[in-house]
Amino acid sequence: MKVVKILIHASTWFAPVLVPLLVWLLAKEDDLKRLSLQALVFHFVIWLLVSISYVFSFILIGLPFLIIFALIGLIAPIIGIIRALQERRFDYPIIGSFIK
Protein backbone atom coordinates (compact mmCIF):
# COMPACT_ATOMS: atom_id res chain seq x y z
CA MET A 1 0.00 0.00 0.00
CA LYS A 2 2.90 2.36 0.70
CA VAL A 3 4.17 1.97 -2.88
CA VAL A 4 0.74 2.79 -4.30
CA LYS A 5 0.52 5.94 -2.16
CA ILE A 6 3.96 7.04 -3.37
CA LEU A 7 2.88 6.34 -6.95
CA ILE A 8 -0.26 8.45 -6.51
CA HIS A 9 1.78 11.41 -5.28
CA ALA A 10 4.54 10.97 -7.87
CA SER A 11 2.01 10.77 -10.69
CA THR A 12 2.02 14.57 -10.63
CA TRP A 13 5.03 14.46 -12.92
CA PHE A 14 4.04 11.69 -15.35
CA ALA A 15 0.29 10.89 -15.29
CA PRO A 16 -1.60 13.29 -13.00
CA VAL A 17 -5.03 12.06 -14.07
CA LEU A 18 -4.51 8.46 -15.15
CA VAL A 19 -2.82 7.01 -12.05
CA PRO A 20 -5.17 8.51 -9.40
CA LEU A 21 -8.19 7.62 -11.53
CA LEU A 22 -7.07 4.00 -11.94
CA VAL A 23 -6.30 3.65 -8.24
CA TRP A 24 -9.66 5.19 -7.33
CA LEU A 25 -11.48 2.76 -9.62
CA LEU A 26 -9.51 -0.38 -8.69
CA ALA A 27 -8.61 0.05 -5.00
CA LYS A 28 -10.60 -1.69 -2.33
CA GLU A 29 -9.16 0.20 0.67
CA ASP A 30 -10.97 3.38 1.63
CA ASP A 31 -7.67 5.09 2.45
CA LEU A 32 -6.37 4.60 -1.11
CA LYS A 33 -9.68 5.71 -2.61
CA ARG A 34 -9.66 8.87 -0.48
CA LEU A 35 -6.07 9.71 -1.33
CA SER A 36 -6.46 9.07 -5.07
CA LEU A 37 -9.62 11.18 -5.25
CA GLN A 38 -7.87 13.99 -3.37
CA ALA A 39 -4.90 13.79 -5.75
CA LEU A 40 -7.16 13.82 -8.80
CA VAL A 41 -9.10 16.88 -7.62
CA PHE A 42 -5.89 18.59 -6.46
CA HIS A 43 -4.24 18.14 -9.87
CA PHE A 44 -7.28 19.53 -11.63
CA VAL A 45 -7.58 22.55 -9.28
CA ILE A 46 -3.86 23.36 -9.49
CA TRP A 47 -3.97 23.07 -13.29
CA LEU A 48 -6.96 25.42 -13.38
CA LEU A 49 -5.39 27.96 -10.99
CA VAL A 50 -2.07 27.95 -12.86
CA SER A 51 -3.88 28.40 -16.18
CA ILE A 52 -5.92 31.34 -14.90
CA SER A 53 -2.83 32.89 -13.31
CA TYR A 54 -0.91 32.44 -16.57
CA VAL A 55 -3.57 34.37 -18.46
CA PHE A 56 -3.52 37.17 -15.89
CA SER A 57 0.27 37.24 -15.77
CA PHE A 58 0.21 39.21 -19.00
CA ILE A 59 -1.20 42.12 -17.03
CA LEU A 60 1.23 41.37 -14.16
CA ILE A 61 -1.45 40.72 -11.53
CA GLY A 62 -1.35 36.97 -12.11
CA LEU A 63 2.43 36.57 -11.88
CA PRO A 64 2.62 36.18 -8.07
CA PHE A 65 -0.31 33.76 -8.15
CA LEU A 66 1.30 31.79 -10.96
CA ILE A 67 4.46 31.38 -8.89
CA ILE A 68 2.57 30.47 -5.70
CA PHE A 69 0.25 27.92 -7.34
CA ALA A 70 3.10 26.34 -9.31
CA LEU A 71 5.12 25.94 -6.11
CA ILE A 72 2.13 24.42 -4.30
CA GLY A 73 1.66 22.02 -7.22
CA LEU A 74 5.29 20.90 -6.91
CA ILE A 75 5.76 20.91 -3.14
CA ALA A 76 2.51 19.23 -1.99
CA PRO A 77 3.20 15.93 -3.83
CA ILE A 78 6.76 15.87 -2.46
CA ILE A 79 5.41 16.23 1.08
CA GLY A 80 2.91 13.46 0.26
CA ILE A 81 5.71 11.15 -0.88
CA ILE A 82 7.70 11.84 2.29
CA ARG A 83 4.63 11.16 4.46
CA ALA A 84 3.89 7.95 2.53
CA LEU A 85 7.47 6.77 3.12
CA GLN A 86 6.99 7.46 6.83
CA GLU A 87 3.59 5.72 6.67
CA ARG A 88 1.86 8.86 7.92
CA ARG A 89 -1.46 10.23 6.69
CA PHE A 90 -1.38 13.07 4.19
CA ASP A 91 -4.24 15.25 2.98
CA TYR A 92 -3.76 17.59 0.06
CA PRO A 93 -4.04 21.29 0.94
CA ILE A 94 -7.63 22.61 0.92
CA ILE A 95 -8.89 19.54 -1.01
CA GLY A 96 -8.31 17.26 1.98
CA SER A 97 -10.85 19.11 4.10
CA PHE A 98 -13.59 18.45 1.52
CA ILE A 99 -12.79 14.82 0.63
CA LYS A 100 -12.70 12.51 3.62
PDB file of N, CA and C in Angstrom:
ATOM      1  N   MET A   1       0.821  -1.184   0.000  1.00  0.00           N
ATOM      2  CA  MET A   1       0.000   0.000   0.000  1.00  0.00           C
ATOM      3  C   MET A   1       0.867   1.250   0.000  1.00  0.00           C
ATOM      4  N   LYS A   2       2.012   1.214   0.654  1.00  0.00           N
ATOM      5  CA  LYS A   2       2.902   2.363   0.700  1.00  0.00           C
ATOM      6  C   LYS A   2       3.380   2.726  -0.706  1.00  0.00           C
ATOM      7  N   VAL A   3       3.693   1.729  -1.515  1.00  0.00           N
ATOM      8  CA  VAL A   3       4.171   1.969  -2.878  1.00  0.00           C
ATOM      9  C   VAL A   3       3.079   2.628  -3.725  1.00  0.00           C
ATOM     10  N   VAL A   4       1.847   2.207  -3.546  1.00  0.00           N
ATOM     11  CA  VAL A   4       0.737   2.788  -4.302  1.00  0.00           C
ATOM     12  C   VAL A   4       0.535   4.252  -3.900  1.00  0.00           C
ATOM     13  N   LYS A   5       0.646   4.551  -2.619  1.00  0.00           N
ATOM     14  CA  LYS A   5       0.525   5.938  -2.163  1.00  0.00           C
ATOM     15  C   LYS A   5       1.625   6.806  -2.767  1.00  0.00           C
ATOM     16  N   ILE A   6       2.844   6.298  -2.771  1.00  0.00           N
ATOM     17  CA  ILE A   6       3.958   7.037  -3.369  1.00  0.00           C
ATOM     18  C   ILE A   6       3.695   7.253  -4.852  1.00  0.00           C
ATOM     19  N   LEU A   7       3.196   6.241  -5.523  1.00  0.00           N
ATOM     20  CA  LEU A   7       2.882   6.339  -6.952  1.00  0.00           C
ATOM     21  C   LEU A   7       1.796   7.383  -7.214  1.00  0.00           C
ATOM     22  N   ILE A   8       0.799   7.443  -6.355  1.00  0.00           N
ATOM     23  CA  ILE A   8      -0.262   8.449  -6.508  1.00  0.00           C
ATOM     24  C   ILE A   8       0.332   9.850  -6.429  1.00  0.00           C
ATOM     25  N   HIS A   9       1.179  10.088  -5.434  1.00  0.00           N
ATOM     26  CA  HIS A   9       1.782  11.414  -5.278  1.00  0.00           C
ATOM     27  C   HIS A   9       2.749  11.725  -6.422  1.00  0.00           C
ATOM     28  N   ALA A  10       3.541  10.758  -6.814  1.00  0.00           N
ATOM     29  CA  ALA A  10       4.543  10.972  -7.868  1.00  0.00           C
ATOM     30  C   ALA A  10       3.909  11.107  -9.247  1.00  0.00           C
ATOM     31  N   SER A  11       2.669  10.683  -9.388  1.00  0.00           N
ATOM     32  CA  SER A  11       2.012  10.772 -10.695  1.00  0.00           C
ATOM     33  C   SER A  11       1.864  12.216 -11.159  1.00  0.00           C
ATOM     34  N   THR A  12       2.058  13.155 -10.270  1.00  0.00           N
ATOM     35  CA  THR A  12       2.018  14.573 -10.633  1.00  0.00           C
ATOM     36  C   THR A  12       2.922  14.856 -11.815  1.00  0.00           C
ATOM     37  N   TRP A  13       4.034  14.162 -11.903  1.00  0.00           N
ATOM     38  CA  TRP A  13       5.035  14.455 -12.924  1.00  0.00           C
ATOM     39  C   TRP A  13       4.938  13.573 -14.161  1.00  0.00           C
ATOM     40  N   PHE A  14       4.092  12.533 -14.150  1.00  0.00           N
ATOM     41  CA  PHE A  14       4.038  11.689 -15.351  1.00  0.00           C
ATOM     42  C   PHE A  14       2.619  11.307 -15.783  1.00  0.00           C
ATOM     43  N   ALA A  15       1.666  11.229 -14.912  1.00  0.00           N
ATOM     44  CA  ALA A  15       0.291  10.888 -15.289  1.00  0.00           C
ATOM     45  C   ALA A  15      -0.662  11.396 -14.211  1.00  0.00           C
ATOM     46  N   PRO A  16      -0.836  12.715 -14.111  1.00  0.00           N
ATOM     47  CA  PRO A  16      -1.595  13.285 -12.997  1.00  0.00           C
ATOM     48  C   PRO A  16      -3.072  12.912 -12.955  1.00  0.00           C
ATOM     49  N   VAL A  17      -3.629  12.464 -14.060  1.00  0.00           N
ATOM     50  CA  VAL A  17      -5.032  12.065 -14.069  1.00  0.00           C
ATOM     51  C   VAL A  17      -5.167  10.544 -14.099  1.00  0.00           C
ATOM     52  N   LEU A  18      -4.374   9.898 -14.923  1.00  0.00           N
ATOM     53  CA  LEU A  18      -4.508   8.460 -15.152  1.00  0.00           C
ATOM     54  C   LEU A  18      -4.264   7.627 -13.892  1.00  0.00           C
ATOM     55  N   VAL A  19      -3.170   7.845 -13.214  1.00  0.00           N
ATOM     56  CA  VAL A  19      -2.825   7.014 -12.050  1.00  0.00           C
ATOM     57  C   VAL A  19      -3.850   7.174 -10.911  1.00  0.00           C
ATOM     58  N   PRO A  20      -4.162   8.411 -10.479  1.00  0.00           N
ATOM     59  CA  PRO A  20      -5.169   8.514  -9.403  1.00  0.00           C
ATOM     60  C   PRO A  20      -6.533   7.953  -9.809  1.00  0.00           C
ATOM     61  N   LEU A  21      -6.907   8.138 -11.067  1.00  0.00           N
ATOM     62  CA  LEU A  21      -8.188   7.622 -11.533  1.00  0.00           C
ATOM     63  C   LEU A  21      -8.212   6.089 -11.498  1.00  0.00           C
ATOM     64  N   LEU A  22      -7.149   5.463 -11.973  1.00  0.00           N
ATOM     65  CA  LEU A  22      -7.066   3.997 -11.944  1.00  0.00           C
ATOM     66  C   LEU A  22      -7.085   3.458 -10.519  1.00  0.00           C
ATOM     67  N   VAL A  23      -6.333   4.098  -9.635  1.00  0.00           N
ATOM     68  CA  VAL A  23      -6.298   3.646  -8.242  1.00  0.00           C
ATOM     69  C   VAL A  23      -7.675   3.823  -7.615  1.00  0.00           C
ATOM     70  N   TRP A  24      -8.331   4.938  -7.893  1.00  0.00           N
ATOM     71  CA  TRP A  24      -9.658   5.188  -7.334  1.00  0.00           C
ATOM     72  C   TRP A  24     -10.662   4.140  -7.812  1.00  0.00           C
ATOM     73  N   LEU A  25     -10.556   3.750  -9.071  1.00  0.00           N
ATOM     74  CA  LEU A  25     -11.483   2.757  -9.616  1.00  0.00           C
ATOM     75  C   LEU A  25     -11.185   1.338  -9.155  1.00  0.00           C
ATOM     76  N   LEU A  26      -9.911   1.004  -8.957  1.00  0.00           N
ATOM     77  CA  LEU A  26      -9.515  -0.379  -8.685  1.00  0.00           C
ATOM     78  C   LEU A  26      -9.257  -0.702  -7.213  1.00  0.00           C
ATOM     79  N   ALA A  27      -8.969   0.302  -6.399  1.00  0.00           N
ATOM     80  CA  ALA A  27      -8.606   0.052  -4.999  1.00  0.00           C
ATOM     81  C   ALA A  27      -9.814  -0.385  -4.184  1.00  0.00           C
ATOM     82  N   LYS A  28      -9.552  -1.241  -3.234  1.00  0.00           N
ATOM     83  CA  LYS A  28     -10.596  -1.694  -2.332  1.00  0.00           C
ATOM     84  C   LYS A  28     -10.520  -0.971  -0.983  1.00  0.00           C
ATOM     85  N   GLU A  29      -9.336  -0.488  -0.604  1.00  0.00           N
ATOM     86  CA  GLU A  29      -9.159   0.199   0.674  1.00  0.00           C
ATOM     87  C   GLU A  29      -9.681   1.630   0.584  1.00  0.00           C
ATOM     88  N   ASP A  30     -10.423   2.032   1.593  1.00  0.00           N
ATOM     89  CA  ASP A  30     -10.969   3.384   1.635  1.00  0.00           C
ATOM     90  C   ASP A  30      -9.877   4.447   1.667  1.00  0.00           C
ATOM     91  N   ASP A  31      -8.772   4.142   2.340  1.00  0.00           N
ATOM     92  CA  ASP A  31      -7.668   5.094   2.450  1.00  0.00           C
ATOM     93  C   ASP A  31      -7.076   5.411   1.070  1.00  0.00           C
ATOM     94  N   LEU A  32      -6.899   4.389   0.242  1.00  0.00           N
ATOM     95  CA  LEU A  32      -6.367   4.605  -1.111  1.00  0.00           C
ATOM     96  C   LEU A  32      -7.378   5.333  -1.986  1.00  0.00           C
ATOM     97  N   LYS A  33      -8.643   5.021  -1.841  1.00  0.00           N
ATOM     98  CA  LYS A  33      -9.683   5.713  -2.609  1.00  0.00           C
ATOM     99  C   LYS A  33      -9.716   7.195  -2.245  1.00  0.00           C
ATOM    100  N   ARG A  34      -9.647   7.492  -0.951  1.00  0.00           N
ATOM    101  CA  ARG A  34      -9.656   8.867  -0.479  1.00  0.00           C
ATOM    102  C   ARG A  34      -8.466   9.639  -1.012  1.00  0.00           C
ATOM    103  N   LEU A  35      -7.286   9.047  -0.901  1.00  0.00           N
ATOM    104  CA  LEU A  35      -6.068   9.713  -1.334  1.00  0.00           C
ATOM    105  C   LEU A  35      -6.050   9.920  -2.853  1.00  0.00           C
ATOM    106  N   SER A  36      -6.471   8.934  -3.616  1.00  0.00           N
ATOM    107  CA  SER A  36      -6.458   9.068  -5.065  1.00  0.00           C
ATOM    108  C   SER A  36      -7.471  10.105  -5.542  1.00  0.00           C
ATOM    109  N   LEU A  37      -8.629  10.173  -4.892  1.00  0.00           N
ATOM    110  CA  LEU A  37      -9.616  11.180  -5.254  1.00  0.00           C
ATOM    111  C   LEU A  37      -9.109  12.578  -4.897  1.00  0.00           C
ATOM    112  N   GLN A  38      -8.476  12.716  -3.744  1.00  0.00           N
ATOM    113  CA  GLN A  38      -7.874  13.995  -3.369  1.00  0.00           C
ATOM    114  C   GLN A  38      -6.822  14.412  -4.391  1.00  0.00           C
ATOM    115  N   ALA A  39      -5.961  13.483  -4.785  1.00  0.00           N
ATOM    116  CA  ALA A  39      -4.905  13.791  -5.751  1.00  0.00           C
ATOM    117  C   ALA A  39      -5.499  14.209  -7.092  1.00  0.00           C
ATOM    118  N   LEU A  40      -6.513  13.511  -7.529  1.00  0.00           N
ATOM    119  CA  LEU A  40      -7.164  13.824  -8.802  1.00  0.00           C
ATOM    120  C   LEU A  40      -7.761  15.235  -8.781  1.00  0.00           C
ATOM    121  N   VAL A  41      -8.496  15.554  -7.741  1.00  0.00           N
ATOM    122  CA  VAL A  41      -9.102  16.883  -7.625  1.00  0.00           C
ATOM    123  C   VAL A  41      -8.020  17.938  -7.457  1.00  0.00           C
ATOM    124  N   PHE A  42      -6.988  17.645  -6.661  1.00  0.00           N
ATOM    125  CA  PHE A  42      -5.890  18.585  -6.455  1.00  0.00           C
ATOM    126  C   PHE A  42      -5.202  18.912  -7.772  1.00  0.00           C
ATOM    127  N   HIS A  43      -4.908  17.901  -8.582  1.00  0.00           N
ATOM    128  CA  HIS A  43      -4.238  18.137  -9.866  1.00  0.00           C
ATOM    129  C   HIS A  43      -5.093  19.006 -10.777  1.00  0.00           C
ATOM    130  N   PHE A  44      -6.392  18.737 -10.796  1.00  0.00           N
ATOM    131  CA  PHE A  44      -7.284  19.535 -11.629  1.00  0.00           C
ATOM    132  C   PHE A  44      -7.334  20.987 -11.140  1.00  0.00           C
ATOM    133  N   VAL A  45      -7.484  21.193  -9.837  1.00  0.00           N
ATOM    134  CA  VAL A  45      -7.582  22.547  -9.285  1.00  0.00           C
ATOM    135  C   VAL A  45      -6.282  23.316  -9.512  1.00  0.00           C
ATOM    136  N   ILE A  46      -5.145  22.685  -9.274  1.00  0.00           N
ATOM    137  CA  ILE A  46      -3.860  23.364  -9.490  1.00  0.00           C
ATOM    138  C   ILE A  46      -3.700  23.714 -10.959  1.00  0.00           C
ATOM    139  N   TRP A  47      -4.060  22.786 -11.861  1.00  0.00           N
ATOM    140  CA  TRP A  47      -3.971  23.069 -13.288  1.00  0.00           C
ATOM    141  C   TRP A  47      -4.844  24.275 -13.646  1.00  0.00           C
ATOM    142  N   LEU A  48      -6.047  24.322 -13.110  1.00  0.00           N
ATOM    143  CA  LEU A  48      -6.964  25.421 -13.376  1.00  0.00           C
ATOM    144  C   LEU A  48      -6.413  26.743 -12.833  1.00  0.00           C
ATOM    145  N   LEU A  49      -5.922  26.737 -11.600  1.00  0.00           N
ATOM    146  CA  LEU A  49      -5.387  27.960 -10.994  1.00  0.00           C
ATOM    147  C   LEU A  49      -4.143  28.459 -11.728  1.00  0.00           C
ATOM    148  N   VAL A  50      -3.263  27.552 -12.117  1.00  0.00           N
ATOM    149  CA  VAL A  50      -2.066  27.947 -12.859  1.00  0.00           C
ATOM    150  C   VAL A  50      -2.454  28.509 -14.223  1.00  0.00           C
ATOM    151  N   SER A  51      -3.427  27.904 -14.871  1.00  0.00           N
ATOM    152  CA  SER A  51      -3.877  28.395 -16.176  1.00  0.00           C
ATOM    153  C   SER A  51      -4.467  29.796 -16.077  1.00  0.00           C
ATOM    154  N   ILE A  52      -5.324  30.017 -15.096  1.00  0.00           N
ATOM    155  CA  ILE A  52      -5.917  31.342 -14.902  1.00  0.00           C
ATOM    156  C   ILE A  52      -4.836  32.358 -14.557  1.00  0.00           C
ATOM    157  N   SER A  53      -3.913  31.987 -13.688  1.00  0.00           N
ATOM    158  CA  SER A  53      -2.825  32.894 -13.311  1.00  0.00           C
ATOM    159  C   SER A  53      -1.935  33.205 -14.501  1.00  0.00           C
ATOM    160  N   TYR A  54      -1.713  32.223 -15.364  1.00  0.00           N
ATOM    161  CA  TYR A  54      -0.906  32.437 -16.565  1.00  0.00           C
ATOM    162  C   TYR A  54      -1.552  33.486 -17.470  1.00  0.00           C
ATOM    163  N   VAL A  55      -2.862  33.386 -17.635  1.00  0.00           N
ATOM    164  CA  VAL A  55      -3.573  34.370 -18.462  1.00  0.00           C
ATOM    165  C   VAL A  55      -3.438  35.765 -17.854  1.00  0.00           C
ATOM    166  N   PHE A  56      -3.620  35.862 -16.542  1.00  0.00           N
ATOM    167  CA  PHE A  56      -3.523  37.171 -15.890  1.00  0.00           C
ATOM    168  C   PHE A  56      -2.089  37.660 -15.722  1.00  0.00           C
ATOM    169  N   SER A  57      -1.124  36.796 -15.920  1.00  0.00           N
ATOM    170  CA  SER A  57       0.269  37.238 -15.773  1.00  0.00           C
ATOM    171  C   SER A  57       0.666  38.224 -16.863  1.00  0.00           C
ATOM    172  N   PHE A  58      -0.084  38.244 -17.946  1.00  0.00           N
ATOM    173  CA  PHE A  58       0.213  39.212 -19.000  1.00  0.00           C
ATOM    174  C   PHE A  58      -0.106  40.634 -18.571  1.00  0.00           C
ATOM    175  N   ILE A  59      -0.954  40.787 -17.570  1.00  0.00           N
ATOM    176  CA  ILE A  59      -1.197  42.124 -17.030  1.00  0.00           C
ATOM    177  C   ILE A  59      -0.559  42.249 -15.636  1.00  0.00           C
ATOM    178  N   LEU A  60       0.377  41.383 -15.352  1.00  0.00           N
ATOM    179  CA  LEU A  60       1.225  41.370 -14.158  1.00  0.00           C
ATOM    180  C   LEU A  60       0.536  40.994 -12.855  1.00  0.00           C
ATOM    181  N   ILE A  61      -0.778  41.062 -12.776  1.00  0.00           N
ATOM    182  CA  ILE A  61      -1.451  40.721 -11.532  1.00  0.00           C
ATOM    183  C   ILE A  61      -1.396  39.221 -11.253  1.00  0.00           C
ATOM    184  N   GLY A  62      -1.336  38.416 -12.299  1.00  0.00           N
ATOM    185  CA  GLY A  62      -1.348  36.972 -12.113  1.00  0.00           C
ATOM    186  C   GLY A  62       0.006  36.362 -11.843  1.00  0.00           C
ATOM    187  N   LEU A  63       1.078  37.111 -12.044  1.00  0.00           N
ATOM    188  CA  LEU A  63       2.429  36.568 -11.880  1.00  0.00           C
ATOM    189  C   LEU A  63       2.706  36.021 -10.480  1.00  0.00           C
ATOM    190  N   PRO A  64       2.391  36.762  -9.416  1.00  0.00           N
ATOM    191  CA  PRO A  64       2.618  36.183  -8.075  1.00  0.00           C
ATOM    192  C   PRO A  64       1.793  34.925  -7.830  1.00  0.00           C
ATOM    193  N   PHE A  65       0.543  34.937  -8.317  1.00  0.00           N
ATOM    194  CA  PHE A  65      -0.306  33.760  -8.145  1.00  0.00           C
ATOM    195  C   PHE A  65       0.223  32.577  -8.942  1.00  0.00           C
ATOM    196  N   LEU A  66       0.718  32.839 -10.124  1.00  0.00           N
ATOM    197  CA  LEU A  66       1.304  31.785 -10.959  1.00  0.00           C
ATOM    198  C   LEU A  66       2.456  31.115 -10.229  1.00  0.00           C
ATOM    199  N   ILE A  67       3.306  31.914  -9.628  1.00  0.00           N
ATOM    200  CA  ILE A  67       4.462  31.380  -8.889  1.00  0.00           C
ATOM    201  C   ILE A  67       3.991  30.578  -7.669  1.00  0.00           C
ATOM    202  N   ILE A  68       3.061  31.142  -6.922  1.00  0.00           N
ATOM    203  CA  ILE A  68       2.572  30.474  -5.704  1.00  0.00           C
ATOM    204  C   ILE A  68       1.893  29.149  -6.028  1.00  0.00           C
ATOM    205  N   PHE A  69       0.979  29.146  -7.007  1.00  0.00           N
ATOM    206  CA  PHE A  69       0.246  27.920  -7.339  1.00  0.00           C
ATOM    207  C   PHE A  69       1.160  26.866  -7.949  1.00  0.00           C
ATOM    208  N   ALA A  70       2.138  27.298  -8.738  1.00  0.00           N
ATOM    209  CA  ALA A  70       3.096  26.342  -9.308  1.00  0.00           C
ATOM    210  C   ALA A  70       3.927  25.700  -8.197  1.00  0.00           C
ATOM    211  N   LEU A  71       4.350  26.492  -7.237  1.00  0.00           N
ATOM    212  CA  LEU A  71       5.117  25.940  -6.111  1.00  0.00           C
ATOM    213  C   LEU A  71       4.276  24.975  -5.281  1.00  0.00           C
ATOM    214  N   ILE A  72       3.023  25.322  -5.035  1.00  0.00           N
ATOM    215  CA  ILE A  72       2.133  24.417  -4.296  1.00  0.00           C
ATOM    216  C   ILE A  72       1.968  23.112  -5.064  1.00  0.00           C
ATOM    217  N   GLY A  73       1.814  23.219  -6.389  1.00  0.00           N
ATOM    218  CA  GLY A  73       1.660  22.023  -7.219  1.00  0.00           C
ATOM    219  C   GLY A  73       2.886  21.131  -7.220  1.00  0.00           C
ATOM    220  N   LEU A  74       4.059  21.701  -6.971  1.00  0.00           N
ATOM    221  CA  LEU A  74       5.286  20.903  -6.906  1.00  0.00           C
ATOM    222  C   LEU A  74       5.593  20.406  -5.494  1.00  0.00           C
ATOM    223  N   ILE A  75       5.358  21.236  -4.516  1.00  0.00           N
ATOM    224  CA  ILE A  75       5.760  20.912  -3.137  1.00  0.00           C
ATOM    225  C   ILE A  75       4.797  19.933  -2.463  1.00  0.00           C
ATOM    226  N   ALA A  76       3.485  20.097  -2.661  1.00  0.00           N
ATOM    227  CA  ALA A  76       2.506  19.231  -1.991  1.00  0.00           C
ATOM    228  C   ALA A  76       2.730  17.748  -2.304  1.00  0.00           C
ATOM    229  N   PRO A  77       2.940  17.355  -3.581  1.00  0.00           N
ATOM    230  CA  PRO A  77       3.196  15.929  -3.832  1.00  0.00           C
ATOM    231  C   PRO A  77       4.494  15.424  -3.195  1.00  0.00           C
ATOM    232  N   ILE A  78       5.497  16.278  -3.110  1.00  0.00           N
ATOM    233  CA  ILE A  78       6.760  15.866  -2.463  1.00  0.00           C
ATOM    234  C   ILE A  78       6.514  15.588  -0.982  1.00  0.00           C
ATOM    235  N   ILE A  79       5.752  16.453  -0.332  1.00  0.00           N
ATOM    236  CA  ILE A  79       5.409  16.227   1.076  1.00  0.00           C
ATOM    237  C   ILE A  79       4.603  14.937   1.208  1.00  0.00           C
ATOM    238  N   GLY A  80       3.688  14.693   0.250  1.00  0.00           N
ATOM    239  CA  GLY A  80       2.906  13.458   0.257  1.00  0.00           C
ATOM    240  C   GLY A  80       3.777  12.222   0.132  1.00  0.00           C
ATOM    241  N   ILE A  81       4.789  12.278  -0.724  1.00  0.00           N
ATOM    242  CA  ILE A  81       5.715  11.146  -0.881  1.00  0.00           C
ATOM    243  C   ILE A  81       6.476  10.898   0.412  1.00  0.00           C
ATOM    244  N   ILE A  82       6.950  11.975   1.030  1.00  0.00           N
ATOM    245  CA  ILE A  82       7.695  11.838   2.294  1.00  0.00           C
ATOM    246  C   ILE A  82       6.797  11.233   3.373  1.00  0.00           C
ATOM    247  N   ARG A  83       5.559  11.708   3.465  1.00  0.00           N
ATOM    248  CA  ARG A  83       4.629  11.164   4.465  1.00  0.00           C
ATOM    249  C   ARG A  83       4.304   9.706   4.173  1.00  0.00           C
ATOM    250  N   ALA A  84       4.177   9.346   2.888  1.00  0.00           N
ATOM    251  CA  ALA A  84       3.893   7.946   2.533  1.00  0.00           C
ATOM    252  C   ALA A  84       5.070   7.058   2.915  1.00  0.00           C
ATOM    253  N   LEU A  85       6.283   7.540   2.722  1.00  0.00           N
ATOM    254  CA  LEU A  85       7.467   6.772   3.122  1.00  0.00           C
ATOM    255  C   LEU A  85       7.506   6.567   4.635  1.00  0.00           C
ATOM    256  N   GLN A  86       7.030   7.556   5.368  1.00  0.00           N
ATOM    257  CA  GLN A  86       6.989   7.464   6.829  1.00  0.00           C
ATOM    258  C   GLN A  86       5.718   6.763   7.320  1.00  0.00           C
ATOM    259  N   GLU A  87       4.876   6.354   6.376  1.00  0.00           N
ATOM    260  CA  GLU A  87       3.587   5.723   6.668  1.00  0.00           C
ATOM    261  C   GLU A  87       2.703   6.591   7.549  1.00  0.00           C
ATOM    262  N   ARG A  88       2.710   7.890   7.229  1.00  0.00           N
ATOM    263  CA  ARG A  88       1.863   8.860   7.920  1.00  0.00           C
ATOM    264  C   ARG A  88       0.778   9.330   6.961  1.00  0.00           C
ATOM    265  N   ARG A  89      -0.327   9.737   7.502  1.00  0.00           N
ATOM    266  CA  ARG A  89      -1.458  10.230   6.692  1.00  0.00           C
ATOM    267  C   ARG A  89      -1.110  11.582   6.083  1.00  0.00           C
ATOM    268  N   PHE A  90      -1.574  11.785   4.865  1.00  0.00           N
ATOM    269  CA  PHE A  90      -1.380  13.067   4.192  1.00  0.00           C
ATOM    270  C   PHE A  90      -2.679  13.457   3.494  1.00  0.00           C
ATOM    271  N   ASP A  91      -3.094  14.691   3.691  1.00  0.00           N
ATOM    272  CA  ASP A  91      -4.238  15.250   2.981  1.00  0.00           C
ATOM    273  C   ASP A  91      -3.741  16.426   2.161  1.00  0.00           C
ATOM    274  N   TYR A  92      -4.169  16.487   0.919  1.00  0.00           N
ATOM    275  CA  TYR A  92      -3.760  17.594   0.064  1.00  0.00           C
ATOM    276  C   TYR A  92      -4.324  18.906   0.609  1.00  0.00           C
ATOM    277  N   PRO A  93      -3.579  20.016   0.440  1.00  0.00           N
ATOM    278  CA  PRO A  93      -4.043  21.291   0.943  1.00  0.00           C
ATOM    279  C   PRO A  93      -5.425  21.658   0.390  1.00  0.00           C
ATOM    280  N   ILE A  94      -6.266  22.155   1.201  1.00  0.00           N
ATOM    281  CA  ILE A  94      -7.626  22.610   0.920  1.00  0.00           C
ATOM    282  C   ILE A  94      -8.525  21.446   0.483  1.00  0.00           C
ATOM    283  N   ILE A  95      -8.097  20.650  -0.482  1.00  0.00           N
ATOM    284  CA  ILE A  95      -8.893  19.543  -1.008  1.00  0.00           C
ATOM    285  C   ILE A  95      -9.163  18.513   0.082  1.00  0.00           C
ATOM    286  N   GLY A  96      -8.187  18.274   0.933  1.00  0.00           N
ATOM    287  CA  GLY A  96      -8.312  17.263   1.982  1.00  0.00           C
ATOM    288  C   GLY A  96      -9.430  17.522   2.957  1.00  0.00           C
ATOM    289  N   SER A  97      -9.775  18.803   3.159  1.00  0.00           N
ATOM    290  CA  SER A  97     -10.847  19.111   4.101  1.00  0.00           C
ATOM    291  C   SER A  97     -12.226  18.836   3.504  1.00  0.00           C
ATOM    292  N   PHE A  98     -12.323  18.733   2.170  1.00  0.00           N
ATOM    293  CA  PHE A  98     -13.592  18.449   1.521  1.00  0.00           C
ATOM    294  C   PHE A  98     -13.794  16.970   1.227  1.00  0.00           C
ATOM    295  N   ILE A  99     -12.706  16.246   0.990  1.00  0.00           N
ATOM    296  CA  ILE A  99     -12.786  14.821   0.634  1.00  0.00           C
ATOM    297  C   ILE A  99     -12.251  14.005   1.784  1.00  0.00           C
ATOM    298  N   LYS A 100     -13.122  13.308   2.455  1.00  0.00           N
ATOM    299  CA  LYS A 100     -12.696  12.510   3.619  1.00  0.00           C
ATOM    300  C   LYS A 100     -12.888  11.050   3.360  1.00  0.00           C
TER     301      LYS A 100
END
